[in-house]
């Protein structure tokens, strides 16, 4: 949410405080002159223990960086890199730096640029010491994430180019990456020397198995093979032949677990090698997730780049007013009276236009960043609540992800905190969670639903009927509303579907819940559902989702 101040758009500090104070990441924001605008408690805990975040406001960030530099092992390089990032005005993801005390910190940088001017600088830090222990022999700040190649790939690509010597890169070339998935276990059980010995053994075997290839270690657990005149599939086959029987390292028999990803194309210049290496990284990341050998293609490349785009833009989208809520009316079918709404998030992406939730929420969940979005939605719904009540669109439902529900105590506290700043009660906000999500972790979901229910928030089970344990789960779930999946409405012409809906309505009534049908697009569907016992419904026939400013006043 942005406020108008002296003719300029600036971030709303209250908005930032609510969203970023409820996460573990350390966040600081600077203004265009590099003075501190805002920081959360996690940031001061990391860089200035005992100092309240508000005490940092107005401080010169460059001077603060000079003061903070000694906490890093390569302090001068860290400071120089920080200044370089600011000067270049480009997003930076996942630079990892080692602290003088042995910890590792990962950082992101997000500038908010308007007409070529950086109006705000956001820095996000997180402690990655535990995950870093699985990678032996990595130089500081050249780690890679599982999402996007880091600047460490530059040195890896350069090494491959230099090692190639007179290697002919003028016709199709394959780059294959082997990511060893057991290095952490070996290092934990036998010490780092065992991991290094394993890498040396795999390097030696690959140089024999793939004749004429350049084989190098490009990060702690990843080996690159660059081969001219061979397809990735051919190289995969030779890797399996060499490694699948197992090997011995320092007298210990090792059964390898590894991921294989490859890319293939013309590589007539250094930049082409970098592109192939990046594509191979995308492929090996997919391989590690799917347990299959993967060759990068345009579909994978597009999907990964969408993921990278979502990750790199998410935090600036939250503070730059790119997200918005649309509200779809919920109707009482008997009287055809609007008695509430559902909040639906949209992303007004600068390049891709207005995106529906299905185009970005799954990626955000996969990245583990969904709590940020859920907190934004909670905050925005509470800001819109006065207008929604005035227009007859309350109670309003909020969709909560399983990850956020797992922190149910914090969710309840956050909701109660925001409601305290309004004149409305908990009954005006309905918490929705999908039935599939409930089935994924039944015990934790039930606990979360009960916590929120005891705090006074009505509970709705969304997309009911698509899970495999619907009826078995229902008896144990605390709910006020049961939202039928739209597949019921799609097949509503079938008499057996109508009988099933009648049975669900009867069962819900026994358990004290109300059935809501989604996806109503025609009048006959509304009438049929009403005759089946469905009390409420939503869908385009009743009303399309719309911004709060477009909702007409009731009456």
Protein backbone atom coordinates (compact mmCIF):
# COMPACT_ATOMS: atom_id res chain seq x y z
CA UNK A 1 0.00 0.00 0.00
CA UNK A 2 1.41 3.40 -0.98
CA UNK A 3 0.65 6.74 0.59
CA UNK A 4 0.87 10.17 -1.05
CA UNK A 5 3.35 12.42 0.73
CA UNK A 6 4.75 15.67 -0.70
CA UNK A 7 3.68 14.52 -4.14
CA UNK A 8 5.71 11.30 -3.99
CA UNK A 9 4.66 7.71 -3.59
CA UNK A 10 6.19 6.14 -0.50
CA UNK A 11 5.68 2.86 1.28
CA UNK A 12 3.23 2.79 4.17
CA UNK A 13 5.31 1.97 7.30
CA UNK A 14 2.31 0.41 9.06
CA UNK A 15 1.81 -1.91 6.12
CA UNK A 16 5.48 -2.91 6.17
CA UNK A 17 5.51 -3.41 9.92
CA UNK A 18 2.57 -5.79 9.87
CA UNK A 19 3.86 -7.88 6.95
CA UNK A 20 7.57 -8.09 7.73
CA UNK A 21 7.48 -8.11 11.52
CA UNK A 22 5.73 -11.48 11.45
CA UNK A 23 8.51 -13.29 9.54
CA UNK A 24 11.97 -14.57 10.50
CA UNK A 25 13.83 -12.77 7.72
CA UNK A 26 15.81 -9.65 8.62
CA UNK A 27 14.52 -6.73 6.55
CA UNK A 28 15.69 -3.12 6.25
CA UNK A 29 14.49 -0.40 3.87
CA UNK A 30 16.42 2.70 2.85
CA UNK A 31 15.14 5.83 1.11
CA UNK A 32 16.57 7.25 -2.11
CA UNK A 33 19.31 9.03 -0.15
CA UNK A 34 20.23 5.77 1.66
CA UNK A 35 18.81 6.78 5.03
CA UNK A 36 16.99 4.09 7.02
CA UNK A 37 13.22 4.27 6.54
CA UNK A 38 12.23 1.09 8.33
CA UNK A 39 13.63 -2.12 9.80
CA UNK A 40 12.16 -5.10 11.59
CA UNK A 41 13.22 -6.65 14.90
CA UNK A 42 14.90 -9.57 13.13
CA UNK A 43 17.25 -7.08 11.47
CA UNK A 44 18.29 -5.36 14.69
CA UNK A 45 18.66 -8.76 16.39
CA UNK A 46 21.14 -9.67 13.66
CA UNK A 47 23.10 -6.43 13.24
CA UNK A 48 22.41 -4.36 16.38
CA UNK A 49 21.25 -6.60 19.27
CA UNK A 50 19.31 -4.69 21.90
CA UNK A 51 18.59 -1.72 19.64
CA UNK A 52 14.89 -1.12 18.85
CA UNK A 53 14.18 -0.91 15.08
CA UNK A 54 12.74 2.60 15.35
CA UNK A 55 16.10 3.84 16.68
CA UNK A 56 17.65 3.14 13.26
CA UNK A 57 15.28 5.42 11.34
CA UNK A 58 17.17 8.26 9.69
CA UNK A 59 20.63 6.67 10.09
CA UNK A 60 23.07 6.87 7.18
CA UNK A 61 23.09 3.37 5.65
CA UNK A 62 26.55 3.61 4.13
CA UNK A 63 28.03 4.52 7.51
CA UNK A 64 26.03 1.68 9.06
CA UNK A 65 27.44 -0.72 6.44
CA UNK A 66 30.98 0.38 7.34
CA UNK A 67 30.21 -0.34 11.00
CA UNK A 68 28.67 -3.75 10.15
CA UNK A 69 31.44 -4.91 7.79
CA UNK A 70 33.73 -6.39 10.49
CA UNK A 71 31.14 -9.05 11.27
CA UNK A 72 31.93 -10.65 7.88
CA UNK A 73 34.99 -12.79 7.17
CA UNK A 74 35.76 -10.78 4.02
CA UNK A 75 34.71 -7.41 5.40
CA UNK A 76 36.31 -5.17 2.76
CA UNK A 77 34.93 -7.27 -0.08
CA UNK A 78 31.46 -7.33 1.50
CA UNK A 79 31.46 -3.54 1.84
CA UNK A 80 32.69 -3.01 -1.71
CA UNK A 81 30.08 -5.44 -3.06
CA UNK A 82 27.32 -3.68 -1.09
CA UNK A 83 28.25 -0.34 -2.65
CA UNK A 84 28.50 -1.94 -6.08
CA UNK A 85 24.99 -3.40 -5.77
CA UNK A 86 23.53 0.00 -4.91
CA UNK A 87 25.35 1.64 -7.82
CA UNK A 88 24.20 -0.96 -10.35
CA UNK A 89 20.48 -0.59 -9.41
CA UNK A 90 19.69 -4.22 -10.19
CA UNK A 91 18.01 -6.90 -8.12
CA UNK A 92 20.37 -9.37 -6.49
CA UNK A 93 19.21 -12.73 -5.22
CA UNK A 94 20.89 -15.03 -2.75
CA UNK A 95 24.40 -13.79 -2.23
CA UNK A 96 25.85 -15.82 0.58
CA UNK A 97 28.54 -14.40 2.86
CA UNK A 98 30.45 -15.99 5.72
CA UNK A 99 30.55 -14.18 9.05
CA UNK A 100 33.67 -13.87 11.16
CA UNK A 101 32.06 -16.18 13.74
CA UNK A 102 31.53 -18.95 11.16
CA UNK A 103 27.85 -18.35 10.40
CA UNK A 104 26.60 -17.86 6.85
CA UNK A 105 24.14 -15.14 5.83
CA UNK A 106 22.17 -15.05 2.58
CA UNK A 107 20.98 -11.67 1.31
CA UNK A 108 18.70 -10.27 -1.38
CA UNK A 109 18.54 -6.71 -2.67
CA UNK A 110 15.39 -5.18 -4.14
CA UNK A 111 15.41 -1.61 -5.50
CA UNK A 112 12.13 0.19 -6.24
CA UNK A 113 12.83 2.19 -9.38
CA UNK A 114 10.56 4.89 -10.82
CA UNK A 115 11.65 6.73 -13.98
CA UNK A 116 15.19 5.44 -13.54
CA UNK A 117 15.48 6.70 -9.95
CA UNK A 118 15.77 4.31 -7.01
CA UNK A 119 13.21 5.56 -4.50
CA UNK A 120 13.71 2.73 -2.04
CA UNK A 121 16.31 0.05 -1.35
CA UNK A 122 15.20 -3.14 0.42
CA UNK A 123 17.69 -5.64 1.86
CA UNK A 124 16.64 -9.07 3.15
CA UNK A 125 18.99 -11.28 5.19
CA UNK A 126 18.52 -14.84 6.42
CA UNK A 127 20.75 -17.26 8.31
CA UNK A 128 21.73 -20.20 6.06
CA UNK A 129 24.39 -21.75 8.27
CA UNK A 130 22.62 -25.13 8.54
CA UNK A 131 22.00 -25.55 4.81
CA UNK A 132 25.53 -24.42 4.04
CA UNK A 133 27.08 -27.22 6.07
CA UNK A 134 26.05 -29.69 3.38
CA UNK A 135 28.38 -28.05 0.85
CA UNK A 136 32.09 -28.53 1.52
CA UNK A 137 34.78 -26.42 -0.04
CA UNK A 138 32.63 -23.51 -1.21
CA UNK A 139 34.15 -20.05 -1.36
CA UNK A 140 32.14 -17.29 0.41
CA UNK A 141 29.41 -15.54 -1.59
CA UNK A 142 29.45 -17.91 -4.57
CA UNK A 143 26.73 -20.29 -3.44
CA UNK A 144 23.79 -21.16 -5.67
CA UNK A 145 20.17 -21.48 -4.70
CA UNK A 146 17.77 -24.12 -5.93
CA UNK A 147 15.95 -21.45 -7.91
CA UNK A 148 18.38 -19.37 -9.94
CA UNK A 149 22.07 -19.45 -10.83
CA UNK A 150 24.08 -17.04 -8.71
CA UNK A 151 27.03 -14.96 -9.81
CA UNK A 152 29.20 -17.94 -8.82
CA UNK A 153 28.21 -19.43 -12.18
CA UNK A 154 30.33 -16.74 -13.83
CA UNK A 155 33.51 -18.23 -12.37
CA UNK A 156 32.26 -21.76 -13.13
CA UNK A 157 31.56 -20.85 -16.76
CA UNK A 158 34.91 -19.11 -17.09
CA UNK A 159 36.65 -22.17 -15.69
CA UNK A 160 34.91 -24.39 -18.23
CA UNK A 161 35.88 -22.05 -21.07
CA UNK A 162 39.50 -21.89 -19.97
CA UNK A 163 39.70 -25.65 -19.42
CA UNK A 164 38.32 -26.24 -22.92
CA UNK A 165 41.53 -24.96 -24.53
CA UNK A 166 41.35 -25.97 -28.19
CA UNK A 167 38.07 -27.78 -27.58
CA UNK A 168 35.81 -27.18 -30.60
CA UNK A 169 32.78 -25.22 -29.46
CA UNK A 170 31.56 -24.31 -32.95
CA UNK A 171 28.94 -27.08 -33.23
CA UNK A 172 26.40 -28.69 -30.87
CA UNK A 173 27.70 -29.09 -27.34
CA UNK A 174 26.19 -30.72 -24.25
CA UNK A 175 26.54 -29.53 -20.69
CA UNK A 176 25.52 -32.08 -18.06
CA UNK A 177 25.47 -31.45 -14.32
CA UNK A 178 25.71 -34.20 -11.69
CA UNK A 179 24.40 -33.10 -8.30
CA UNK A 180 25.43 -35.53 -5.55
CA UNK A 181 22.63 -35.90 -3.00
CA UNK A 182 24.50 -37.74 -0.27
CA UNK A 183 27.34 -35.32 0.45
CA UNK A 184 25.75 -33.96 3.62
CA UNK A 185 25.28 -37.44 5.08
CA UNK A 186 28.85 -38.45 4.28
CA UNK A 187 30.27 -35.27 5.75
CA UNK A 188 28.19 -35.71 8.91
CA UNK A 189 29.14 -39.37 9.35
CA UNK A 190 32.78 -39.38 8.24
CA UNK A 191 33.90 -35.73 8.14
CA UNK A 192 34.50 -33.28 5.23
CA UNK A 193 37.50 -35.26 3.93
CA UNK A 194 35.16 -38.10 2.93
CA UNK A 195 33.06 -35.72 0.83
CA UNK A 196 36.14 -34.37 -0.93
CA UNK A 197 37.37 -37.91 -1.63
CA UNK A 198 33.99 -38.83 -3.10
CA UNK A 199 34.08 -35.82 -5.40
CA UNK A 200 37.60 -36.74 -6.54
CA UNK A 201 36.51 -40.30 -7.28
CA UNK A 202 33.45 -39.18 -9.28
CA UNK A 203 35.55 -36.67 -11.24
CA UNK A 204 38.05 -39.41 -12.12
CA UNK A 205 35.33 -41.82 -13.22
CA UNK A 206 33.59 -39.21 -15.38
CA UNK A 207 36.82 -38.32 -17.18
CA UNK A 208 37.12 -41.97 -18.17
CA UNK A 209 33.43 -42.58 -18.87
CA UNK A 210 32.89 -39.54 -21.11
CA UNK A 211 35.96 -39.56 -23.31
CA UNK A 212 37.12 -36.18 -24.57
CA UNK A 213 34.85 -34.22 -22.21
CA UNK A 214 35.88 -31.45 -19.86
CA UNK A 215 34.89 -32.45 -16.32
CA UNK A 216 35.11 -29.91 -13.47
CA UNK A 217 33.63 -29.32 -10.03
CA UNK A 218 31.56 -26.15 -10.19
CA UNK A 219 30.29 -26.11 -6.61
CA UNK A 220 30.44 -28.23 -3.48
CA UNK A 221 28.21 -31.09 -4.59
CA UNK A 222 27.90 -30.42 -8.33
CA UNK A 223 30.09 -31.60 -11.20
CA UNK A 224 29.87 -30.29 -14.76
CA UNK A 225 30.59 -32.30 -17.91
CA UNK A 226 31.05 -30.39 -21.18
CA UNK A 227 31.17 -32.63 -24.26
CA UNK A 228 31.24 -31.92 -27.99
CA UNK A 229 29.39 -34.23 -30.35
CA UNK A 230 27.43 -36.10 -27.65
CA UNK A 231 23.82 -35.64 -26.60
CA UNK A 232 22.83 -35.23 -22.94
CA UNK A 233 21.05 -38.60 -23.15
CA UNK A 234 24.29 -40.32 -24.23
CA UNK A 235 26.16 -38.71 -21.35
CA UNK A 236 23.38 -39.66 -18.90
CA UNK A 237 23.74 -43.30 -19.98
CA UNK A 238 27.50 -43.27 -19.40
CA UNK A 239 27.09 -41.61 -16.00
CA UNK A 240 24.63 -44.31 -14.94
CA UNK A 241 26.89 -47.09 -16.21
CA UNK A 242 29.80 -45.68 -14.23
CA UNK A 243 28.10 -44.66 -10.98
CA UNK A 244 25.05 -46.89 -10.48
CA UNK A 245 27.05 -50.03 -9.47
CA UNK A 246 28.39 -47.98 -6.55
CA UNK A 247 31.97 -47.22 -5.57
CA UNK A 248 34.37 -47.35 -2.67
CA UNK A 249 35.81 -44.29 -0.97
CA UNK A 250 38.50 -44.76 1.68
CA UNK A 251 37.45 -48.39 2.00
CA UNK A 252 33.76 -47.52 2.53
CA UNK A 253 31.20 -48.86 0.00
CA UNK A 254 29.06 -45.96 -1.26
CA UNK A 255 25.73 -46.28 -3.04
CA UNK A 256 25.30 -42.98 -4.81
CA UNK A 257 22.16 -40.86 -4.99
CA UNK A 258 22.45 -38.10 -7.53
CA UNK A 259 20.46 -35.86 -9.88
CA UNK A 260 21.24 -35.43 -13.59
CA UNK A 261 20.37 -32.38 -15.65
CA UNK A 262 21.55 -31.41 -19.11
CA UNK A 263 21.36 -28.87 -21.91
CA UNK A 264 22.32 -29.07 -25.58
CA UNK A 265 23.02 -26.44 -28.24
CA UNK A 266 25.52 -24.44 -30.21
CA UNK A 267 28.36 -23.02 -28.15
CA UNK A 268 30.51 -20.92 -30.44
CA UNK A 269 31.33 -18.27 -27.84
CA UNK A 270 31.80 -17.89 -24.11
CA UNK A 271 28.31 -16.46 -23.63
CA UNK A 272 26.82 -19.60 -25.21
CA UNK A 273 28.60 -21.75 -22.63
CA UNK A 274 27.13 -19.61 -19.87
CA UNK A 275 23.62 -20.06 -21.31
CA UNK A 276 24.05 -23.83 -21.57
CA UNK A 277 25.38 -23.98 -18.02
CA UNK A 278 22.39 -22.00 -16.76
CA UNK A 279 19.98 -24.28 -18.63
CA UNK A 280 21.73 -27.34 -17.22
CA UNK A 281 21.34 -25.89 -13.75
CA UNK A 282 17.61 -25.45 -14.31
CA UNK A 283 17.47 -29.09 -15.43
CA UNK A 284 19.43 -30.52 -12.49
CA UNK A 285 17.26 -28.56 -10.05
CA UNK A 286 14.20 -30.14 -11.65
CA UNK A 287 15.87 -33.55 -11.55
CA UNK A 288 16.54 -33.26 -7.83
CA UNK A 289 12.86 -32.45 -7.27
CA UNK A 290 11.38 -35.13 -9.55
CA UNK A 291 13.96 -37.96 -9.25
CA UNK A 292 14.19 -38.22 -13.04
CA UNK A 293 16.91 -37.28 -15.53
CA UNK A 294 16.00 -33.94 -17.11
CA UNK A 295 17.10 -32.19 -20.31
CA UNK A 296 16.25 -28.51 -20.37
CA UNK A 297 13.66 -27.46 -22.94
CA UNK A 298 11.67 -24.29 -23.56
CA UNK A 299 8.79 -25.37 -21.28
CA UNK A 300 11.14 -25.95 -18.34
CA UNK A 301 13.06 -22.77 -19.11
CA UNK A 302 9.82 -20.75 -19.12
CA UNK A 303 8.60 -22.33 -15.89
CA UNK A 304 11.87 -21.75 -14.06
CA UNK A 305 12.09 -18.17 -15.27
CA UNK A 306 8.54 -17.56 -14.06
CA UNK A 307 9.61 -18.92 -10.70
CA UNK A 308 12.68 -16.69 -10.70
CA UNK A 309 10.56 -13.70 -11.68
CA UNK A 310 8.09 -14.35 -8.88
CA UNK A 311 10.86 -14.76 -6.32
CA UNK A 312 12.77 -11.67 -7.43
CA UNK A 313 9.70 -9.42 -7.62
CA UNK A 314 7.62 -10.63 -4.69
CA UNK A 315 8.84 -8.33 -1.93
CA UNK A 316 8.95 -5.23 -4.11
CA UNK A 317 5.48 -6.12 -5.42
CA UNK A 318 4.23 -6.12 -1.84
CA UNK A 319 5.57 -2.64 -1.14
CA UNK A 320 4.95 -1.18 -4.62
CA UNK A 321 1.19 -1.72 -4.61
CA UNK A 322 1.26 -4.35 -7.37
CA UNK A 323 -1.03 -6.73 -5.48
CA UNK A 324 -4.71 -6.01 -5.13
CA UNK A 325 -7.76 -7.75 -3.73
CA UNK A 326 -10.94 -8.40 -5.66
CA UNK A 327 -14.08 -9.45 -3.83
CA UNK A 328 -16.60 -11.95 -5.22
CA UNK A 329 -20.11 -11.74 -3.72
CA UNK A 330 -21.65 -14.68 -1.85
CA UNK A 331 -25.45 -14.96 -2.14
CA UNK A 332 -28.15 -16.61 -0.04
CA UNK A 333 -29.84 -18.68 -2.75
CA UNK A 334 -33.34 -18.65 -1.28
CA UNK A 335 -33.65 -14.85 -1.07
CA UNK A 336 -31.01 -13.98 -3.69
CA UNK A 337 -29.52 -11.54 -1.23
CA UNK A 338 -25.77 -10.87 -1.12
CA UNK A 339 -24.64 -11.70 2.39
CA UNK A 340 -20.83 -11.68 2.14
CA UNK A 341 -17.85 -12.13 -0.18
CA UNK A 342 -14.59 -13.95 -0.78
CA UNK A 343 -11.31 -12.05 -1.13
CA UNK A 344 -9.29 -13.08 -4.18
CA UNK A 345 -5.75 -11.81 -4.71
CA UNK A 346 -4.58 -10.45 -8.06
CA UNK A 347 -1.13 -9.31 -9.17
CA UNK A 348 -0.96 -6.33 -11.51
CA UNK A 349 2.37 -7.34 -12.97
CA UNK A 350 4.24 -4.49 -14.73
CA UNK A 351 5.02 -6.63 -17.80
CA UNK A 352 2.39 -9.39 -17.78
CA UNK A 353 -0.72 -7.47 -16.78
CA UNK A 354 -3.33 -8.62 -14.26
CA UNK A 355 -2.58 -12.16 -13.06
CA UNK A 356 -5.05 -14.44 -11.28
CA UNK A 357 -3.92 -16.26 -8.14
CA UNK A 358 -3.43 -19.57 -9.96
CA UNK A 359 -0.64 -18.03 -12.04
CA UNK A 360 1.61 -17.11 -9.12
CA UNK A 361 0.38 -18.49 -5.78
CA UNK A 362 1.59 -22.09 -6.47
CA UNK A 363 5.08 -20.71 -7.21
CA UNK A 364 5.06 -18.58 -4.06
CA UNK A 365 4.00 -21.63 -2.01
CA UNK A 366 6.77 -23.70 -3.61
CA UNK A 367 9.30 -21.00 -2.70
CA UNK A 368 8.10 -20.99 0.91
CA UNK A 369 7.17 -17.29 0.75
CA UNK A 370 3.39 -17.63 1.01
CA UNK A 371 3.27 -16.27 4.57
CA UNK A 372 4.24 -12.84 3.20
CA UNK A 373 1.25 -12.88 0.84
CA UNK A 374 -1.15 -14.22 3.48
CA UNK A 375 -0.09 -11.45 5.86
CA UNK A 376 -0.61 -8.86 3.12
CA UNK A 377 -4.11 -10.21 2.45
CA UNK A 378 -5.00 -10.13 6.15
CA UNK A 379 -3.81 -6.55 6.40
CA UNK A 380 -5.61 -5.41 3.24
CA UNK A 381 -8.92 -7.11 4.11
CA UNK A 382 -8.91 -5.35 7.47
CA UNK A 383 -8.20 -2.05 5.70
CA UNK A 384 -11.15 -2.68 3.35
CA UNK A 385 -13.51 -3.96 6.05
CA UNK A 386 -15.36 -0.69 6.66
CA UNK A 387 -16.20 -0.39 2.97
CA UNK A 388 -17.14 -4.07 2.68
CA UNK A 389 -19.54 -3.84 5.62
CA UNK A 390 -21.06 -0.66 4.19
CA UNK A 391 -21.60 -2.39 0.83
CA UNK A 392 -23.02 -5.59 2.29
CA UNK A 393 -19.97 -7.66 1.27
CA UNK A 394 -19.14 -8.82 4.81
CA UNK A 395 -18.43 -11.30 6.29
CA UNK A 396 -15.48 -11.68 3.94
CA UNK A 397 -13.47 -14.88 3.63
CA UNK A 398 -9.67 -15.08 3.52
CA UNK A 399 -7.84 -18.04 1.98
CA UNK A 400 -5.06 -19.23 4.29
CA UNK A 401 -2.29 -21.51 3.00
CA UNK A 402 -1.33 -24.71 4.87
CA UNK A 403 2.10 -23.22 5.65
CA UNK A 404 0.51 -20.19 7.30
CA UNK A 405 -2.07 -22.32 9.10
CA UNK A 406 0.80 -24.28 10.63
CA UNK A 407 1.61 -21.08 12.57
CA UNK A 408 -1.99 -20.79 13.69
CA UNK A 409 -1.24 -19.00 16.95
CA UNK A 410 0.58 -16.24 15.05
CA UNK A 411 -2.21 -16.04 12.46
CA UNK A 412 -4.81 -15.60 15.18
CA UNK A 413 -2.68 -12.97 16.90
CA UNK A 414 -2.12 -11.11 13.63
CA UNK A 415 -5.83 -11.11 12.80
CA UNK A 416 -6.82 -9.97 16.26
CA UNK A 417 -4.15 -7.26 16.13
CA UNK A 418 -5.49 -5.89 12.85
CA UNK A 419 -9.13 -6.15 13.92
CA UNK A 420 -8.32 -4.18 17.07
CA UNK A 421 -7.65 -1.18 14.81
CA UNK A 422 -11.15 -1.49 13.31
CA UNK A 423 -14.62 -1.37 14.81
CA UNK A 424 -15.47 -4.91 13.69
CA UNK A 425 -15.57 -8.33 15.33
CA UNK A 426 -14.04 -11.67 14.38
CA UNK A 427 -17.35 -12.84 12.89
CA UNK A 428 -16.73 -10.52 9.94
CA UNK A 429 -13.75 -12.58 8.72
CA UNK A 430 -14.09 -16.20 7.61
CA UNK A 431 -10.94 -18.33 7.38
CA UNK A 432 -10.85 -20.64 4.36
CA UNK A 433 -8.56 -23.64 3.94
CA UNK A 434 -8.82 -26.19 1.15
CA UNK A 435 -9.87 -29.72 1.94
CA UNK A 436 -6.81 -31.05 0.08
CA UNK A 437 -4.55 -28.98 2.33
CA UNK A 438 -6.31 -30.34 5.41
CA UNK A 439 -5.82 -33.90 4.20
CA UNK A 440 -2.10 -33.29 3.70
CA UNK A 441 -1.52 -32.73 7.43
CA UNK A 442 -4.71 -33.60 9.26
CA UNK A 443 -3.47 -33.24 12.84
CA UNK A 444 -1.84 -29.83 12.37
CA UNK A 445 -4.74 -28.55 10.24
CA UNK A 446 -7.35 -29.52 12.81
CA UNK A 447 -5.27 -27.90 15.54
CA UNK A 448 -4.98 -24.71 13.51
CA UNK A 449 -8.67 -24.60 12.65
CA UNK A 450 -9.59 -25.07 16.30
CA UNK A 451 -7.21 -22.30 17.41
CA UNK A 452 -8.73 -19.85 14.94
CA UNK A 453 -12.25 -21.04 15.70
CA UNK A 454 -11.73 -20.56 19.44
CA UNK A 455 -10.45 -17.06 18.68
CA UNK A 456 -13.88 -16.32 17.20
CA UNK A 457 -13.24 -16.66 13.45
CA UNK A 458 -15.73 -18.74 11.39
CA UNK A 459 -14.04 -21.58 9.47
CA UNK A 460 -14.76 -22.67 5.89
CA UNK A 461 -13.50 -25.82 4.17
CA UNK A 462 -12.85 -24.86 0.55
CA UNK A 463 -12.94 -27.08 -2.57
CA UNK A 464 -14.76 -29.82 -0.67
CA UNK A 465 -15.16 -33.02 -2.67
CA UNK A 466 -11.85 -33.12 -4.56
CA UNK A 467 -9.84 -34.84 -1.81
CA UNK A 468 -9.64 -38.57 -1.23
CA UNK A 469 -10.73 -38.49 2.41
CA UNK A 470 -13.59 -36.01 2.35
CA UNK A 471 -16.22 -37.90 4.32
CA UNK A 472 -13.77 -39.58 6.68
CA UNK A 473 -12.28 -36.19 7.55
CA UNK A 474 -15.53 -34.28 7.90
CA UNK A 475 -16.55 -35.74 11.23
CA UNK A 476 -13.34 -34.47 12.85
CA UNK A 477 -13.11 -31.02 11.29
CA UNK A 478 -14.41 -27.92 13.07
CA UNK A 479 -16.17 -25.92 10.36
CA UNK A 480 -18.96 -23.40 9.86
CA UNK A 481 -19.09 -23.47 6.06
CA UNK A 482 -18.55 -26.28 3.56
CA UNK A 483 -17.72 -24.93 0.08
CA UNK A 484 -18.48 -27.44 -2.67
CA UNK A 485 -15.86 -27.68 -5.36
CA UNK A 486 -17.04 -26.24 -8.68
CA UNK A 487 -16.81 -29.70 -10.28
CA UNK A 488 -20.16 -30.46 -8.63
CA UNK A 489 -21.74 -27.55 -10.50
CA UNK A 490 -20.11 -28.57 -13.79
CA UNK A 491 -21.75 -32.03 -13.53
CA UNK A 492 -24.98 -30.75 -11.99
CA UNK A 493 -27.15 -32.08 -14.83
CA UNK A 494 -26.47 -35.62 -13.62
CA UNK A 495 -29.15 -36.80 -11.21
CA UNK A 496 -26.66 -38.81 -9.17
CA UNK A 497 -24.63 -35.61 -8.59
CA UNK A 498 -27.76 -33.86 -7.34
CA UNK A 499 -28.47 -36.75 -4.94
CA UNK A 500 -24.88 -36.55 -3.70
CA UNK A 501 -25.22 -32.80 -3.06
CA UNK A 502 -28.42 -33.45 -1.13
CA UNK A 503 -26.58 -35.98 1.03
CA UNK A 504 -23.72 -33.54 1.67
CA UNK A 505 -26.17 -30.82 2.67
CA UNK A 506 -27.94 -33.17 5.08
CA UNK A 507 -24.64 -34.29 6.59
CA UNK A 508 -23.41 -30.70 6.95
CA UNK A 509 -26.63 -29.73 8.69
CA UNK A 510 -26.18 -32.54 11.22
CA UNK A 511 -22.65 -31.27 11.91
CA UNK A 512 -23.82 -27.67 12.23
CA UNK A 513 -22.38 -26.32 8.97
CA UNK A 514 -23.74 -24.44 5.96
CA UNK A 515 -23.06 -25.57 2.37
CA UNK A 516 -21.81 -23.01 -0.17
CA UNK A 517 -21.60 -23.82 -3.89
CA UNK A 518 -18.86 -22.31 -6.06
CA UNK A 519 -18.81 -21.79 -9.81
CA UNK A 520 -22.47 -20.87 -10.40
CA UNK A 521 -22.60 -19.48 -13.93
CA UNK A 522 -26.25 -20.02 -14.95
CA UNK A 523 -29.61 -19.43 -13.35
CA UNK A 524 -30.75 -23.04 -13.68
CA UNK A 525 -27.68 -24.10 -11.70
CA UNK A 526 -28.64 -21.72 -8.89
CA UNK A 527 -32.21 -23.05 -8.82
CA UNK A 528 -31.12 -26.70 -8.90
CA UNK A 529 -28.61 -26.19 -6.09
CA UNK A 530 -31.25 -24.45 -3.99
CA UNK A 531 -33.62 -27.40 -4.47
CA UNK A 532 -30.78 -29.74 -3.40
CA UNK A 533 -30.51 -27.90 -0.08
CA UNK A 534 -27.53 -25.62 -0.79
CA UNK A 535 -28.00 -22.42 1.19
CA UNK A 536 -25.35 -20.13 -0.31
CA UNK A 537 -23.43 -19.77 -3.54
CA UNK A 538 -21.01 -17.72 -5.60
CA UNK A 539 -20.00 -17.56 -9.24
CA UNK A 540 -20.07 -15.30 -12.26
CA UNK A 541 -23.87 -15.51 -12.55
CA UNK A 542 -24.11 -14.02 -9.07
CA UNK A 543 -21.24 -11.59 -9.51
CA UNK A 544 -17.66 -11.37 -10.77
CA UNK A 545 -14.77 -10.52 -8.45
CA UNK A 546 -14.23 -6.75 -8.34
CA UNK A 547 -12.07 -4.20 -6.49
CA UNK A 548 -13.69 -2.72 -3.41
CA UNK A 549 -14.04 0.70 -5.07
CA UNK A 550 -16.23 -0.85 -7.78
CA UNK A 551 -18.67 -2.54 -5.38
CA UNK A 552 -21.94 -0.57 -5.34
CA UNK A 553 -23.33 0.61 -2.02
CA UNK A 554 -25.99 -1.75 -0.65
CA UNK A 555 -29.56 -0.65 -0.77
